[in-house]
Protein backbone atom coordinates (compact mmCIF):
# COMPACT_ATOMS: atom_id res chain seq x y z
CA UNK A 1 -5.84 67.05 -47.86
CA UNK A 2 -8.38 67.70 -50.27
CA UNK A 3 -8.71 63.96 -51.28
CA UNK A 4 -9.28 62.67 -47.79
CA UNK A 5 -12.39 65.54 -47.55
CA UNK A 6 -13.56 64.12 -51.03
CA UNK A 7 -12.94 60.87 -50.33
CA UNK A 8 -15.33 61.75 -46.42
CA UNK A 9 -17.88 63.22 -48.29
CA UNK A 10 -18.46 60.25 -51.11
CA UNK A 11 -18.33 57.71 -48.33
CA UNK A 12 -21.39 59.61 -46.57
CA UNK A 13 -24.50 57.40 -46.33
CA UNK A 14 -27.27 58.74 -48.58
CA UNK A 15 -30.32 56.47 -46.25
CA UNK A 16 -32.35 54.61 -47.27
CA UNK A 17 -32.82 54.11 -51.12
CA UNK A 18 -36.54 53.08 -51.27
CA UNK A 19 -36.95 52.79 -55.58
CA UNK A 20 -40.41 52.54 -56.73
CA UNK A 21 -41.46 52.53 -60.43
CA UNK A 22 -43.63 55.30 -61.08
CA UNK A 23 -47.47 55.22 -61.18
CA UNK A 24 -50.19 55.04 -63.91
CA UNK A 25 -50.21 55.22 -67.52
CA UNK A 26 -46.07 56.75 -67.35
CA UNK A 27 -45.21 53.94 -65.15
CA UNK A 28 -46.92 51.14 -67.67
CA UNK A 29 -44.91 52.77 -70.60
CA UNK A 30 -41.11 52.77 -68.72
CA UNK A 31 -42.38 48.88 -68.32
CA UNK A 32 -43.47 48.16 -71.77
CA UNK A 33 -39.88 49.84 -72.29
CA UNK A 34 -37.67 48.54 -70.52
CA UNK A 35 -39.50 45.33 -71.52
CA UNK A 36 -38.15 46.04 -75.53
CA UNK A 37 -35.25 46.40 -74.34
CA UNK A 38 -34.26 43.09 -72.64
CA UNK A 39 -36.59 41.58 -75.51
CA UNK A 40 -33.72 43.40 -78.01
CA UNK A 41 -30.84 43.01 -76.04
CA UNK A 42 -31.71 39.11 -75.88
CA UNK A 43 -32.22 38.64 -79.98
CA UNK A 44 -28.49 41.04 -80.36
CA UNK A 45 -26.93 38.26 -78.17
CA UNK A 46 -28.41 35.16 -79.74
CA UNK A 47 -27.97 36.33 -83.22
CA UNK A 48 -24.31 36.97 -82.16
CA UNK A 49 -23.35 33.97 -80.30
CA UNK A 50 -25.10 31.87 -83.99
CA UNK A 51 -23.12 34.11 -86.22
CA UNK A 52 -19.67 33.94 -84.32
CA UNK A 53 -20.66 29.64 -83.72
CA UNK A 54 -20.58 29.91 -88.49
CA UNK A 55 -17.60 31.73 -88.56
CA UNK A 56 -15.74 29.24 -85.83
CA UNK A 57 -17.49 26.79 -87.90
CA UNK A 58 -16.05 28.27 -91.55
CA UNK A 59 -13.03 28.82 -90.12
CA UNK A 60 -12.17 25.54 -88.91
CA UNK A 61 -13.20 23.88 -92.97
CA UNK A 62 -11.20 26.07 -94.54
CA UNK A 63 -8.32 26.36 -92.77
CA UNK A 64 -8.14 29.90 -91.86
CA UNK A 65 -6.98 32.33 -88.39
CA UNK A 66 -9.47 34.10 -86.96
CA UNK A 67 -10.20 35.56 -84.15
CA UNK A 68 -13.69 33.71 -83.91
CA UNK A 69 -12.99 31.75 -80.65
CA UNK A 70 -12.28 35.07 -79.06
CA UNK A 71 -15.42 36.20 -80.04
CA UNK A 72 -17.48 33.77 -79.20
CA UNK A 73 -16.58 34.06 -76.06
CA UNK A 74 -17.77 37.62 -76.16
CA UNK A 75 -20.79 37.07 -77.01
CA UNK A 76 -21.32 34.51 -74.31
CA UNK A 77 -20.02 37.21 -71.40
CA UNK A 78 -22.13 39.29 -72.27
CA UNK A 79 -24.76 37.04 -72.95
CA UNK A 80 -24.15 36.31 -69.10
CA UNK A 81 -24.42 40.02 -68.30
CA UNK A 82 -27.31 41.31 -69.94
CA UNK A 83 -28.84 37.76 -68.30
CA UNK A 84 -27.49 39.04 -65.42
CA UNK A 85 -28.17 42.70 -65.41
CA UNK A 86 -31.11 43.31 -63.09
CA UNK A 87 -29.40 41.02 -60.40
CA UNK A 88 -26.57 43.17 -60.88
CA UNK A 89 -27.97 46.77 -60.14
CA UNK A 90 -30.15 45.41 -57.53
CA UNK A 91 -26.53 44.04 -55.68
CA UNK A 92 -24.83 46.94 -56.44
CA UNK A 93 -26.51 49.47 -55.89
CA UNK A 94 -29.23 48.66 -52.71
């Protein structure tokens, strides 16, 4: 009975949410911080994919058996998630 009550409470509509950015200097600083964070994530993704590609090439040349292919796929999936972060949040929240 408790689970049903909790589910009903959690499933209630919270109303229309219209997110707006903070105004003034604080909002500008938050936007700058988010821009820097996105730049850092893109930089890290590109670097990780380049390192995975180099490791994959090295393992192919030397005949070593590593998990570079799995790491490369993980890096690519991470890059897709980073690239679609804003769309994902908008789709899930709004």
